[in-house]
């Protein structure tokens, strides 16, 4: 499982002893961890691509399975993690290429994976 930690304007991906950080994306504001969805999704996708290129990155193969993601918001928010932010985090991970996303807030599971029904 891929561990993604989200802070204000910073994302960290940890997997099997490797860690990659992204500092340059202004996707947060004072009230919301994900205020700019497009900026956050782009930062997450580019960080994941960078992680895969690392020596210990995920399966450097032509065909690599989509990762399961444990996405954890590590900062304290005044009103907690709103349902809209939970959905934005989940959707951004799906844009990144995840097959399963569990959203956590400060270590507590707040949105377990729910497959889309057709």
PDB file of N, CA and C in Angstrom:
ATOM      1  N   UNK A   1       0.852  -1.182   0.000  1.00  0.00           N
ATOM      2  CA  UNK A   1       0.000   0.000   0.000  1.00  0.00           C
ATOM      3  C   UNK A   1       0.894   1.241   0.000  1.00  0.00           C
ATOM      4  N   UNK A   2       0.516   2.211  -0.773  1.00  0.00           N
ATOM      5  CA  UNK A   2       1.247   3.460  -0.898  1.00  0.00           C
ATOM      6  C   UNK A   2       0.744   4.431   0.163  1.00  0.00           C
ATOM      7  N   UNK A   3       1.654   4.984   0.951  1.00  0.00           N
ATOM      8  CA  UNK A   3       1.295   5.903   2.028  1.00  0.00           C
ATOM      9  C   UNK A   3       1.522   7.335   1.547  1.00  0.00           C
ATOM     10  N   UNK A   4       0.456   8.123   1.466  1.00  0.00           N
ATOM     11  CA  UNK A   4       0.541   9.518   1.043  1.00  0.00           C
ATOM     12  C   UNK A   4       0.125  10.389   2.218  1.00  0.00           C
ATOM     13  N   UNK A   5       1.019  11.314   2.601  1.00  0.00           N
ATOM     14  CA  UNK A   5       0.745  12.230   3.707  1.00  0.00           C
ATOM     15  C   UNK A   5       0.558  13.630   3.146  1.00  0.00           C
ATOM     16  N   UNK A   6      -0.518  14.279   3.566  1.00  0.00           N
ATOM     17  CA  UNK A   6      -0.844  15.610   3.049  1.00  0.00           C
ATOM     18  C   UNK A   6      -0.759  16.624   4.180  1.00  0.00           C
ATOM     19  N   UNK A   7      -0.041  17.706   3.919  1.00  0.00           N
ATOM     20  CA  UNK A   7       0.104  18.831   4.841  1.00  0.00           C
ATOM     21  C   UNK A   7      -0.310  20.077   4.059  1.00  0.00           C
ATOM     22  N   UNK A   8      -0.277  21.255   4.667  1.00  0.00           N
ATOM     23  CA  UNK A   8      -0.565  22.481   3.937  1.00  0.00           C
ATOM     24  C   UNK A   8       0.470  22.671   2.828  1.00  0.00           C
ATOM     25  N   UNK A   9       0.027  22.674   1.588  1.00  0.00           N
ATOM     26  CA  UNK A   9       0.863  22.902   0.407  1.00  0.00           C
ATOM     27  C   UNK A   9       2.071  21.964   0.321  1.00  0.00           C
ATOM     28  N   UNK A  10       1.938  20.761   0.864  1.00  0.00           N
ATOM     29  CA  UNK A  10       3.030  19.798   0.819  1.00  0.00           C
ATOM     30  C   UNK A  10       2.471  18.380   0.809  1.00  0.00           C
ATOM     31  N   UNK A  11       3.060  17.528  -0.016  1.00  0.00           N
ATOM     32  CA  UNK A  11       2.659  16.127  -0.119  1.00  0.00           C
ATOM     33  C   UNK A  11       3.912  15.273   0.030  1.00  0.00           C
ATOM     34  N   UNK A  12       3.791  14.158   0.735  1.00  0.00           N
ATOM     35  CA  UNK A  12       4.884  13.202   0.880  1.00  0.00           C
ATOM     36  C   UNK A  12       4.363  11.817   0.535  1.00  0.00           C
ATOM     37  N   UNK A  13       5.114  11.088  -0.296  1.00  0.00           N
ATOM     38  CA  UNK A  13       4.784   9.699  -0.616  1.00  0.00           C
ATOM     39  C   UNK A  13       5.850   8.819   0.018  1.00  0.00           C
ATOM     40  N   UNK A  14       5.405   7.825   0.774  1.00  0.00           N
ATOM     41  CA  UNK A  14       6.306   6.871   1.405  1.00  0.00           C
ATOM     42  C   UNK A  14       5.915   5.462   0.960  1.00  0.00           C
ATOM     43  N   UNK A  15       6.929   4.664   0.587  1.00  0.00           N
ATOM     44  CA  UNK A  15       6.661   3.283   0.190  1.00  0.00           C
ATOM     45  C   UNK A  15       7.948   2.484   0.302  1.00  0.00           C
ATOM     46  N   UNK A  16       7.935   1.440   1.092  1.00  0.00           N
ATOM     47  CA  UNK A  16       9.046   0.507   1.253  1.00  0.00           C
ATOM     48  C   UNK A  16      10.388   1.212   1.472  1.00  0.00           C
ATOM     49  N   UNK A  17      10.400   2.146   2.396  1.00  0.00           N
ATOM     50  CA  UNK A  17      11.642   2.800   2.765  1.00  0.00           C
ATOM     51  C   UNK A  17      12.033   3.998   1.913  1.00  0.00           C
ATOM     52  N   UNK A  18      11.327   4.253   0.817  1.00  0.00           N
ATOM     53  CA  UNK A  18      11.626   5.446   0.019  1.00  0.00           C
ATOM     54  C   UNK A  18      10.625   6.535   0.367  1.00  0.00           C
ATOM     55  N   UNK A  19      11.075   7.774   0.262  1.00  0.00           N
ATOM     56  CA  UNK A  19      10.209   8.906   0.568  1.00  0.00           C
ATOM     57  C   UNK A  19      10.478  10.010  -0.452  1.00  0.00           C
ATOM     58  N   UNK A  20       9.400  10.537  -1.037  1.00  0.00           N
ATOM     59  CA  UNK A  20       9.499  11.620  -2.002  1.00  0.00           C
ATOM     60  C   UNK A  20       8.575  12.734  -1.533  1.00  0.00           C
ATOM     61  N   UNK A  21       9.088  13.987  -1.558  1.00  0.00           N
ATOM     62  CA  UNK A  21       8.297  15.136  -1.086  1.00  0.00           C
ATOM     63  C   UNK A  21       8.082  16.137  -2.199  1.00  0.00           C
ATOM     64  N   UNK A  22       6.943  16.789  -2.147  1.00  0.00           N
ATOM     65  CA  UNK A  22       6.608  17.845  -3.106  1.00  0.00           C
ATOM     66  C   UNK A  22       6.270  19.091  -2.306  1.00  0.00           C
ATOM     67  N   UNK A  23       6.959  20.207  -2.550  1.00  0.00           N
ATOM     68  CA  UNK A  23       6.791  21.415  -1.743  1.00  0.00           C
ATOM     69  C   UNK A  23       6.207  22.598  -2.502  1.00  0.00           C
ATOM     70  N   UNK A  24       6.122  22.552  -3.806  1.00  0.00           N
ATOM     71  CA  UNK A  24       5.903  23.750  -4.590  1.00  0.00           C
ATOM     72  C   UNK A  24       4.462  24.021  -5.004  1.00  0.00           C
ATOM     73  N   UNK A  25       3.513  23.229  -4.582  1.00  0.00           N
ATOM     74  CA  UNK A  25       2.148  23.383  -5.074  1.00  0.00           C
ATOM     75  C   UNK A  25       1.277  24.143  -4.076  1.00  0.00           C
ATOM     76  N   UNK A  26       0.797  25.337  -4.429  1.00  0.00           N
ATOM     77  CA  UNK A  26      -0.072  26.106  -3.508  1.00  0.00           C
ATOM     78  C   UNK A  26      -1.534  25.672  -3.623  1.00  0.00           C
ATOM     79  N   UNK A  27      -1.848  24.465  -3.137  1.00  0.00           N
ATOM     80  CA  UNK A  27      -3.209  23.931  -3.254  1.00  0.00           C
ATOM     81  C   UNK A  27      -4.043  24.164  -2.003  1.00  0.00           C
ATOM     82  N   UNK A  28      -3.467  24.644  -0.918  1.00  0.00           N
ATOM     83  CA  UNK A  28      -4.185  24.854   0.347  1.00  0.00           C
ATOM     84  C   UNK A  28      -4.406  26.333   0.610  1.00  0.00           C
ATOM     85  N   UNK A  29      -5.377  26.599   1.470  1.00  0.00           N
ATOM     86  CA  UNK A  29      -5.517  27.956   2.018  1.00  0.00           C
ATOM     87  C   UNK A  29      -5.699  27.818   3.531  1.00  0.00           C
ATOM     88  N   UNK A  30      -6.057  28.886   4.214  1.00  0.00           N
ATOM     89  CA  UNK A  30      -6.142  28.842   5.680  1.00  0.00           C
ATOM     90  C   UNK A  30      -7.272  27.960   6.186  1.00  0.00           C
ATOM     91  N   UNK A  31      -8.318  27.758   5.380  1.00  0.00           N
ATOM     92  CA  UNK A  31      -9.467  26.999   5.852  1.00  0.00           C
ATOM     93  C   UNK A  31      -9.558  25.588   5.308  1.00  0.00           C
ATOM     94  N   UNK A  32      -8.966  25.339   4.134  1.00  0.00           N
ATOM     95  CA  UNK A  32      -9.113  24.030   3.486  1.00  0.00           C
ATOM     96  C   UNK A  32      -7.757  23.457   3.099  1.00  0.00           C
ATOM     97  N   UNK A  33      -7.619  22.165   3.277  1.00  0.00           N
ATOM     98  CA  UNK A  33      -6.385  21.495   2.892  1.00  0.00           C
ATOM     99  C   UNK A  33      -6.292  21.382   1.372  1.00  0.00           C
ATOM    100  N   UNK A  34      -7.429  21.201   0.687  1.00  0.00           N
ATOM    101  CA  UNK A  34      -7.454  21.161  -0.776  1.00  0.00           C
ATOM    102  C   UNK A  34      -8.393  22.265  -1.251  1.00  0.00           C
ATOM    103  N   UNK A  35      -7.844  23.452  -1.456  1.00  0.00           N
ATOM    104  CA  UNK A  35      -8.639  24.581  -1.942  1.00  0.00           C
ATOM    105  C   UNK A  35      -8.630  24.639  -3.464  1.00  0.00           C
ATOM    106  N   UNK A  36      -7.579  24.117  -4.100  1.00  0.00           N
ATOM    107  CA  UNK A  36      -7.448  24.101  -5.554  1.00  0.00           C
ATOM    108  C   UNK A  36      -7.264  22.653  -5.999  1.00  0.00           C
ATOM    109  N   UNK A  37      -8.366  22.026  -6.431  1.00  0.00           N
ATOM    110  CA  UNK A  37      -8.335  20.601  -6.777  1.00  0.00           C
ATOM    111  C   UNK A  37      -7.373  20.318  -7.919  1.00  0.00           C
ATOM    112  N   UNK A  38      -7.429  21.108  -8.980  1.00  0.00           N
ATOM    113  CA  UNK A  38      -6.580  20.855 -10.145  1.00  0.00           C
ATOM    114  C   UNK A  38      -5.099  20.914  -9.775  1.00  0.00           C
ATOM    115  N   UNK A  39      -4.723  21.881  -8.990  1.00  0.00           N
ATOM    116  CA  UNK A  39      -3.329  22.023  -8.550  1.00  0.00           C
ATOM    117  C   UNK A  39      -2.915  20.820  -7.694  1.00  0.00           C
ATOM    118  N   UNK A  40      -3.789  20.398  -6.780  1.00  0.00           N
ATOM    119  CA  UNK A  40      -3.493  19.251  -5.924  1.00  0.00           C
ATOM    120  C   UNK A  40      -3.378  17.967  -6.743  1.00  0.00           C
ATOM    121  N   UNK A  41      -4.321  17.736  -7.646  1.00  0.00           N
ATOM    122  CA  UNK A  41      -4.303  16.518  -8.462  1.00  0.00           C
ATOM    123  C   UNK A  41      -3.051  16.476  -9.338  1.00  0.00           C
ATOM    124  N   UNK A  42      -2.679  17.607  -9.922  1.00  0.00           N
ATOM    125  CA  UNK A  42      -1.472  17.663 -10.755  1.00  0.00           C
ATOM    126  C   UNK A  42      -0.219  17.393  -9.918  1.00  0.00           C
ATOM    127  N   UNK A  43      -0.132  18.000  -8.739  1.00  0.00           N
ATOM    128  CA  UNK A  43       1.016  17.793  -7.856  1.00  0.00           C
ATOM    129  C   UNK A  43       1.118  16.332  -7.430  1.00  0.00           C
ATOM    130  N   UNK A  44      -0.020  15.716  -7.105  1.00  0.00           N
ATOM    131  CA  UNK A  44      -0.032  14.320  -6.676  1.00  0.00           C
ATOM    132  C   UNK A  44       0.390  13.398  -7.813  1.00  0.00           C
ATOM    133  N   UNK A  45      -0.121  13.667  -9.001  1.00  0.00           N
ATOM    134  CA  UNK A  45       0.212  12.833 -10.155  1.00  0.00           C
ATOM    135  C   UNK A  45       1.696  12.948 -10.520  1.00  0.00           C
ATOM    136  N   UNK A  46       2.234  14.163 -10.509  1.00  0.00           N
ATOM    137  CA  UNK A  46       3.650  14.334 -10.844  1.00  0.00           C
ATOM    138  C   UNK A  46       4.550  13.753  -9.749  1.00  0.00           C
ATOM    139  N   UNK A  47       4.133  13.860  -8.499  1.00  0.00           N
ATOM    140  CA  UNK A  47       4.912  13.285  -7.404  1.00  0.00           C
ATOM    141  C   UNK A  47       4.931  11.759  -7.492  1.00  0.00           C
ATOM    142  N   UNK A  48       3.806  11.168  -7.853  1.00  0.00           N
ATOM    143  CA  UNK A  48       3.738   9.710  -8.021  1.00  0.00           C
ATOM    144  C   UNK A  48       4.645   9.258  -9.167  1.00  0.00           C
ATOM    145  N   UNK A  49       4.652  10.006 -10.267  1.00  0.00           N
ATOM    146  CA  UNK A  49       5.530   9.674 -11.389  1.00  0.00           C
ATOM    147  C   UNK A  49       6.994   9.777 -10.964  1.00  0.00           C
ATOM    148  N   UNK A  50       7.331  10.794 -10.183  1.00  0.00           N
ATOM    149  CA  UNK A  50       8.698  10.945  -9.675  1.00  0.00           C
ATOM    150  C   UNK A  50       9.055   9.788  -8.742  1.00  0.00           C
ATOM    151  N   UNK A  51       8.113   9.388  -7.908  1.00  0.00           N
ATOM    152  CA  UNK A  51       8.347   8.279  -6.982  1.00  0.00           C
ATOM    153  C   UNK A  51       8.646   6.983  -7.744  1.00  0.00           C
ATOM    154  N   UNK A  52       7.931   6.756  -8.829  1.00  0.00           N
ATOM    155  CA  UNK A  52       8.143   5.531  -9.603  1.00  0.00           C
ATOM    156  C   UNK A  52       9.523   5.495 -10.236  1.00  0.00           C
ATOM    157  N   UNK A  53      10.114   6.661 -10.488  1.00  0.00           N
ATOM    158  CA  UNK A  53      11.450   6.715 -11.084  1.00  0.00           C
ATOM    159  C   UNK A  53      12.565   6.529 -10.058  1.00  0.00           C
ATOM    160  N   UNK A  54      12.245   6.589  -8.771  1.00  0.00           N
ATOM    161  CA  UNK A  54      13.249   6.434  -7.709  1.00  0.00           C
ATOM    162  C   UNK A  54      13.787   5.003  -7.707  1.00  0.00           C
ATOM    163  N   UNK A  55      15.019   4.781  -7.226  1.00  0.00           N
ATOM    164  CA  UNK A  55      15.586   3.428  -7.181  1.00  0.00           C
ATOM    165  C   UNK A  55      14.709   2.415  -6.441  1.00  0.00           C
ATOM    166  N   UNK A  56      14.058   2.812  -5.357  1.00  0.00           N
ATOM    167  CA  UNK A  56      13.197   1.884  -4.620  1.00  0.00           C
ATOM    168  C   UNK A  56      11.725   2.091  -4.932  1.00  0.00           C
ATOM    169  N   UNK A  57      11.424   2.796  -6.009  1.00  0.00           N
ATOM    170  CA  UNK A  57      10.038   3.125  -6.365  1.00  0.00           C
ATOM    171  C   UNK A  57       9.218   1.909  -6.740  1.00  0.00           C
ATOM    172  N   UNK A  58       7.951   2.147  -6.973  1.00  0.00           N
ATOM    173  CA  UNK A  58       7.026   1.059  -7.283  1.00  0.00           C
ATOM    174  C   UNK A  58       7.317   0.421  -8.629  1.00  0.00           C
ATOM    175  N   UNK A  59       7.592  -0.849  -8.630  1.00  0.00           N
ATOM    176  CA  UNK A  59       7.630  -1.701  -9.806  1.00  0.00           C
ATOM    177  C   UNK A  59       8.005  -1.001 -11.109  1.00  0.00           C
ATOM    178  N   UNK A  60       9.291  -0.857 -11.342  1.00  0.00           N
ATOM    179  CA  UNK A  60       9.746  -0.220 -12.573  1.00  0.00           C
ATOM    180  C   UNK A  60       9.606  -1.235 -13.706  1.00  0.00           C
ATOM    181  N   UNK A  61       8.404  -1.405 -14.202  1.00  0.00           N
ATOM    182  CA  UNK A  61       8.099  -2.359 -15.263  1.00  0.00           C
ATOM    183  C   UNK A  61       7.273  -1.641 -16.314  1.00  0.00           C
ATOM    184  N   UNK A  62       7.115  -2.297 -17.449  1.00  0.00           N
ATOM    185  CA  UNK A  62       6.256  -1.725 -18.490  1.00  0.00           C
ATOM    186  C   UNK A  62       4.817  -1.669 -18.003  1.00  0.00           C
ATOM    187  N   UNK A  63       4.399  -2.720 -17.335  1.00  0.00           N
ATOM    188  CA  UNK A  63       3.038  -2.746 -16.805  1.00  0.00           C
ATOM    189  C   UNK A  63       3.113  -2.876 -15.293  1.00  0.00           C
ATOM    190  N   UNK A  64       2.685  -1.868 -14.596  1.00  0.00           N
ATOM    191  CA  UNK A  64       2.675  -1.904 -13.136  1.00  0.00           C
ATOM    192  C   UNK A  64       1.234  -1.772 -12.666  1.00  0.00           C
ATOM    193  N   UNK A  65       0.805  -2.580 -11.708  1.00  0.00           N
ATOM    194  CA  UNK A  65      -0.576  -2.475 -11.224  1.00  0.00           C
ATOM    195  C   UNK A  65      -0.819  -1.141 -10.525  1.00  0.00           C
ATOM    196  N   UNK A  66      -2.045  -0.693 -10.585  1.00  0.00           N
ATOM    197  CA  UNK A  66      -2.429   0.543  -9.901  1.00  0.00           C
ATOM    198  C   UNK A  66      -2.306   0.323  -8.393  1.00  0.00           C
ATOM    199  N   UNK A  67      -1.789   1.311  -7.677  1.00  0.00           N
ATOM    200  CA  UNK A  67      -1.562   1.113  -6.240  1.00  0.00           C
ATOM    201  C   UNK A  67      -2.821   1.313  -5.400  1.00  0.00           C
ATOM    202  N   UNK A  68      -2.847   0.641  -4.269  1.00  0.00           N
ATOM    203  CA  UNK A  68      -3.824   0.958  -3.227  1.00  0.00           C
ATOM    204  C   UNK A  68      -3.191   2.079  -2.414  1.00  0.00           C
ATOM    205  N   UNK A  69      -3.997   3.067  -2.015  1.00  0.00           N
ATOM    206  CA  UNK A  69      -3.459   4.266  -1.387  1.00  0.00           C
ATOM    207  C   UNK A  69      -4.054   4.478   0.000  1.00  0.00           C
ATOM    208  N   UNK A  70      -3.174   4.763   0.944  1.00  0.00           N
ATOM    209  CA  UNK A  70      -3.548   5.189   2.294  1.00  0.00           C
ATOM    210  C   UNK A  70      -3.218   6.675   2.335  1.00  0.00           C
ATOM    211  N   UNK A  71      -4.223   7.535   2.239  1.00  0.00           N
ATOM    212  CA  UNK A  71      -4.025   8.977   2.162  1.00  0.00           C
ATOM    213  C   UNK A  71      -4.376   9.590   3.514  1.00  0.00           C
ATOM    214  N   UNK A  72      -3.396  10.228   4.154  1.00  0.00           N
ATOM    215  CA  UNK A  72      -3.586  10.738   5.509  1.00  0.00           C
ATOM    216  C   UNK A  72      -3.310  12.240   5.564  1.00  0.00           C
ATOM    217  N   UNK A  73      -4.305  13.012   6.004  1.00  0.00           N
ATOM    218  CA  UNK A  73      -4.130  14.449   6.228  1.00  0.00           C
ATOM    219  C   UNK A  73      -3.547  14.602   7.622  1.00  0.00           C
ATOM    220  N   UNK A  74      -2.333  15.158   7.722  1.00  0.00           N
ATOM    221  CA  UNK A  74      -1.598  15.189   8.979  1.00  0.00           C
ATOM    222  C   UNK A  74      -1.732  16.482   9.764  1.00  0.00           C
ATOM    223  N   UNK A  75      -2.359  17.513   9.202  1.00  0.00           N
ATOM    224  CA  UNK A  75      -2.474  18.786   9.911  1.00  0.00           C
ATOM    225  C   UNK A  75      -3.832  18.881  10.591  1.00  0.00           C
ATOM    226  N   UNK A  76      -3.888  19.654  11.663  1.00  0.00           N
ATOM    227  CA  UNK A  76      -5.155  19.857  12.359  1.00  0.00           C
ATOM    228  C   UNK A  76      -5.926  20.972  11.676  1.00  0.00           C
ATOM    229  N   UNK A  77      -7.171  20.680  11.316  1.00  0.00           N
ATOM    230  CA  UNK A  77      -8.043  21.655  10.680  1.00  0.00           C
ATOM    231  C   UNK A  77      -9.080  22.112  11.705  1.00  0.00           C
ATOM    232  N   UNK A  78      -9.460  23.373  11.645  1.00  0.00           N
ATOM    233  CA  UNK A  78     -10.383  23.951  12.637  1.00  0.00           C
ATOM    234  C   UNK A  78     -11.685  23.158  12.734  1.00  0.00           C
ATOM    235  N   UNK A  79     -12.246  22.772  11.602  1.00  0.00           N
ATOM    236  CA  UNK A  79     -13.527  22.053  11.593  1.00  0.00           C
ATOM    237  C   UNK A  79     -13.371  20.595  11.211  1.00  0.00           C
ATOM    238  N   UNK A  80     -12.164  20.075  11.258  1.00  0.00           N
ATOM    239  CA  UNK A  80     -11.942  18.706  10.840  1.00  0.00           C
ATOM    240  C   UNK A  80     -11.939  18.608   9.325  1.00  0.00           C
ATOM    241  N   UNK A  81     -12.007  17.417   8.820  1.00  0.00           N
ATOM    242  CA  UNK A  81     -11.978  17.175   7.386  1.00  0.00           C
ATOM    243  C   UNK A  81     -13.409  17.081   6.873  1.00  0.00           C
ATOM    244  N   UNK A  82     -13.826  18.066   6.092  1.00  0.00           N
ATOM    245  CA  UNK A  82     -15.196  18.132   5.576  1.00  0.00           C
ATOM    246  C   UNK A  82     -15.421  17.045   4.522  1.00  0.00           C
ATOM    247  N   UNK A  83     -16.674  16.599   4.343  1.00  0.00           N
ATOM    248  CA  UNK A  83     -16.967  15.591   3.322  1.00  0.00           C
ATOM    249  C   UNK A  83     -16.513  16.005   1.919  1.00  0.00           C
ATOM    250  N   UNK A  84     -16.606  17.289   1.611  1.00  0.00           N
ATOM    251  CA  UNK A  84     -16.157  17.769   0.306  1.00  0.00           C
ATOM    252  C   UNK A  84     -14.646  17.569   0.146  1.00  0.00           C
ATOM    253  N   UNK A  85     -13.884  17.829   1.203  1.00  0.00           N
ATOM    254  CA  UNK A  85     -12.439  17.618   1.152  1.00  0.00           C
ATOM    255  C   UNK A  85     -12.104  16.127   1.068  1.00  0.00           C
ATOM    256  N   UNK A  86     -12.856  15.300   1.767  1.00  0.00           N
ATOM    257  CA  UNK A  86     -12.643  13.858   1.682  1.00  0.00           C
ATOM    258  C   UNK A  86     -12.824  13.371   0.252  1.00  0.00           C
ATOM    259  N   UNK A  87     -13.870  13.842  -0.395  1.00  0.00           N
ATOM    260  CA  UNK A  87     -14.129  13.454  -1.787  1.00  0.00           C
ATOM    261  C   UNK A  87     -13.044  13.990  -2.710  1.00  0.00           C
ATOM    262  N   UNK A  88     -12.605  15.223  -2.501  1.00  0.00           N
ATOM    263  CA  UNK A  88     -11.540  15.803  -3.336  1.00  0.00           C
ATOM    264  C   UNK A  88     -10.247  14.997  -3.197  1.00  0.00           C
ATOM    265  N   UNK A  89      -9.903  14.599  -1.976  1.00  0.00           N
ATOM    266  CA  UNK A  89      -8.701  13.801  -1.760  1.00  0.00           C
ATOM    267  C   UNK A  89      -8.802  12.451  -2.466  1.00  0.00           C
ATOM    268  N   UNK A  90      -9.948  11.816  -2.327  1.00  0.00           N
ATOM    269  CA  UNK A  90     -10.179  10.518  -2.956  1.00  0.00           C
ATOM    270  C   UNK A  90     -10.125  10.640  -4.478  1.00  0.00           C
ATOM    271  N   UNK A  91     -10.804  11.634  -5.032  1.00  0.00           N
ATOM    272  CA  UNK A  91     -10.833  11.823  -6.480  1.00  0.00           C
ATOM    273  C   UNK A  91      -9.449  12.143  -7.036  1.00  0.00           C
ATOM    274  N   UNK A  92      -8.668  12.932  -6.319  1.00  0.00           N
ATOM    275  CA  UNK A  92      -7.316  13.255  -6.775  1.00  0.00           C
ATOM    276  C   UNK A  92      -6.444  12.002  -6.809  1.00  0.00           C
ATOM    277  N   UNK A  93      -6.599  11.124  -5.834  1.00  0.00           N
ATOM    278  CA  UNK A  93      -5.832   9.874  -5.830  1.00  0.00           C
ATOM    279  C   UNK A  93      -6.254   8.979  -6.991  1.00  0.00           C
ATOM    280  N   UNK A  94      -7.534   8.987  -7.328  1.00  0.00           N
ATOM    281  CA  UNK A  94      -8.002   8.215  -8.484  1.00  0.00           C
ATOM    282  C   UNK A  94      -7.451   8.801  -9.778  1.00  0.00           C
ATOM    283  N   UNK A  95      -7.370  10.134  -9.874  1.00  0.00           N
ATOM    284  CA  UNK A  95      -6.751  10.784 -11.034  1.00  0.00           C
ATOM    285  C   UNK A  95      -5.286  10.369 -11.134  1.00  0.00           C
ATOM    286  N   UNK A  96      -4.626  10.234  -9.995  1.00  0.00           N
ATOM    287  CA  UNK A  96      -3.227   9.815  -9.949  1.00  0.00           C
ATOM    288  C   UNK A  96      -3.059   8.406 -10.506  1.00  0.00           C
ATOM    289  N   UNK A  97      -4.094   7.580 -10.394  1.00  0.00           N
ATOM    290  CA  UNK A  97      -4.026   6.213 -10.894  1.00  0.00           C
ATOM    291  C   UNK A  97      -4.256   5.146  -9.847  1.00  0.00           C
ATOM    292  N   UNK A  98      -4.726   5.531  -8.670  1.00  0.00           N
ATOM    293  CA  UNK A  98      -4.959   4.564  -7.597  1.00  0.00           C
ATOM    294  C   UNK A  98      -6.157   3.672  -7.923  1.00  0.00           C
ATOM    295  N   UNK A  99      -6.101   2.442  -7.449  1.00  0.00           N
ATOM    296  CA  UNK A  99      -7.239   1.533  -7.630  1.00  0.00           C
ATOM    297  C   UNK A  99      -8.124   1.494  -6.395  1.00  0.00           C
ATOM    298  N   UNK A 100      -7.570   1.910  -5.272  1.00  0.00           N
ATOM    299  CA  UNK A 100      -8.301   1.908  -3.996  1.00  0.00           C
ATOM    300  C   UNK A 100      -7.733   3.032  -3.142  1.00  0.00           C
ATOM    301  N   UNK A 101      -8.615   3.787  -2.463  1.00  0.00           N
ATOM    302  CA  UNK A 101      -8.174   4.919  -1.645  1.00  0.00           C
ATOM    303  C   UNK A 101      -8.894   4.886  -0.302  1.00  0.00           C
ATOM    304  N   UNK A 102      -8.125   4.889   0.779  1.00  0.00           N
ATOM    305  CA  UNK A 102      -8.669   5.053   2.119  1.00  0.00           C
ATOM    306  C   UNK A 102      -8.192   6.407   2.628  1.00  0.00           C
ATOM    307  N   UNK A 103      -9.127   7.285   3.015  1.00  0.00           N
ATOM    308  CA  UNK A 103      -8.779   8.625   3.480  1.00  0.00           C
ATOM    309  C   UNK A 103      -8.761   8.627   5.003  1.00  0.00           C
ATOM    310  N   UNK A 104      -7.668   9.148   5.563  1.00  0.00           N
ATOM    311  CA  UNK A 104      -7.487   9.239   7.010  1.00  0.00           C
ATOM    312  C   UNK A 104      -7.275  10.701   7.389  1.00  0.00           C
ATOM    313  N   UNK A 105      -7.680  11.033   8.606  1.00  0.00           N
ATOM    314  CA  UNK A 105      -7.434  12.368   9.148  1.00  0.00           C
ATOM    315  C   UNK A 105      -6.705  12.208  10.468  1.00  0.00           C
ATOM    316  N   UNK A 106      -5.434  12.593  10.482  1.00  0.00           N
ATOM    317  CA  UNK A 106      -4.581  12.496  11.663  1.00  0.00           C
ATOM    318  C   UNK A 106      -4.568  11.075  12.231  1.00  0.00           C
ATOM    319  N   UNK A 107      -4.471  10.093  11.321  1.00  0.00           N
ATOM    320  CA  UNK A 107      -4.370   8.693  11.719  1.00  0.00           C
ATOM    321  C   UNK A 107      -5.678   7.946  11.848  1.00  0.00           C
ATOM    322  N   UNK A 108      -6.808   8.637  11.847  1.00  0.00           N
ATOM    323  CA  UNK A 108      -8.125   7.998  11.985  1.00  0.00           C
ATOM    324  C   UNK A 108      -8.782   7.832  10.617  1.00  0.00           C
ATOM    325  N   UNK A 109      -9.289   6.646  10.341  1.00  0.00           N
ATOM    326  CA  UNK A 109      -9.985   6.396   9.082  1.00  0.00           C
ATOM    327  C   UNK A 109     -11.286   7.181   9.043  1.00  0.00           C
ATOM    328  N   UNK A 110     -11.471   8.012   8.017  1.00  0.00           N
ATOM    329  CA  UNK A 110     -12.705   8.801   7.897  1.00  0.00           C
ATOM    330  C   UNK A 110     -13.514   8.434   6.660  1.00  0.00           C
ATOM    331  N   UNK A 111     -12.856   7.910   5.644  1.00  0.00           N
ATOM    332  CA  UNK A 111     -13.571   7.523   4.428  1.00  0.00           C
ATOM    333  C   UNK A 111     -12.956   6.242   3.871  1.00  0.00           C
ATOM    334  N   UNK A 112     -13.535   5.089   4.229  1.00  0.00           N
ATOM    335  CA  UNK A 112     -13.024   3.844   3.666  1.00  0.00           C
ATOM    336  C   UNK A 112     -13.402   3.737   2.188  1.00  0.00           C
ATOM    337  N   UNK A 113     -12.672   2.896   1.476  1.00  0.00           N
ATOM    338  CA  UNK A 113     -12.905   2.721   0.054  1.00  0.00           C
ATOM    339  C   UNK A 113     -14.316   2.205  -0.207  1.00  0.00           C
ATOM    340  N   UNK A 114     -14.979   2.843  -1.151  1.00  0.00           N
ATOM    341  CA  UNK A 114     -16.302   2.409  -1.598  1.00  0.00           C
ATOM    342  C   UNK A 114     -16.271   2.340  -3.111  1.00  0.00           C
ATOM    343  N   UNK A 115     -16.315   1.129  -3.673  1.00  0.00           N
ATOM    344  CA  UNK A 115     -16.250   1.034  -5.129  1.00  0.00           C
ATOM    345  C   UNK A 115     -17.467   1.705  -5.765  1.00  0.00           C
ATOM    346  N   UNK A 116     -17.245   2.252  -6.952  1.00  0.00           N
ATOM    347  CA  UNK A 116     -18.345   2.899  -7.677  1.00  0.00           C
ATOM    348  C   UNK A 116     -19.304   1.829  -8.200  1.00  0.00           C
ATOM    349  N   UNK A 117     -20.560   2.093  -8.037  1.00  0.00           N
ATOM    350  CA  UNK A 117     -21.579   1.138  -8.524  1.00  0.00           C
ATOM    351  C   UNK A 117     -22.036   1.585  -9.884  1.00  0.00           C
ATOM    352  N   UNK A 118     -22.233   0.601 -10.743  1.00  0.00           N
ATOM    353  CA  UNK A 118     -22.691   0.915 -12.113  1.00  0.00           C
ATOM    354  C   UNK A 118     -24.128   0.567 -12.298  1.00  0.00           C
TER     355      UNK A 118
END
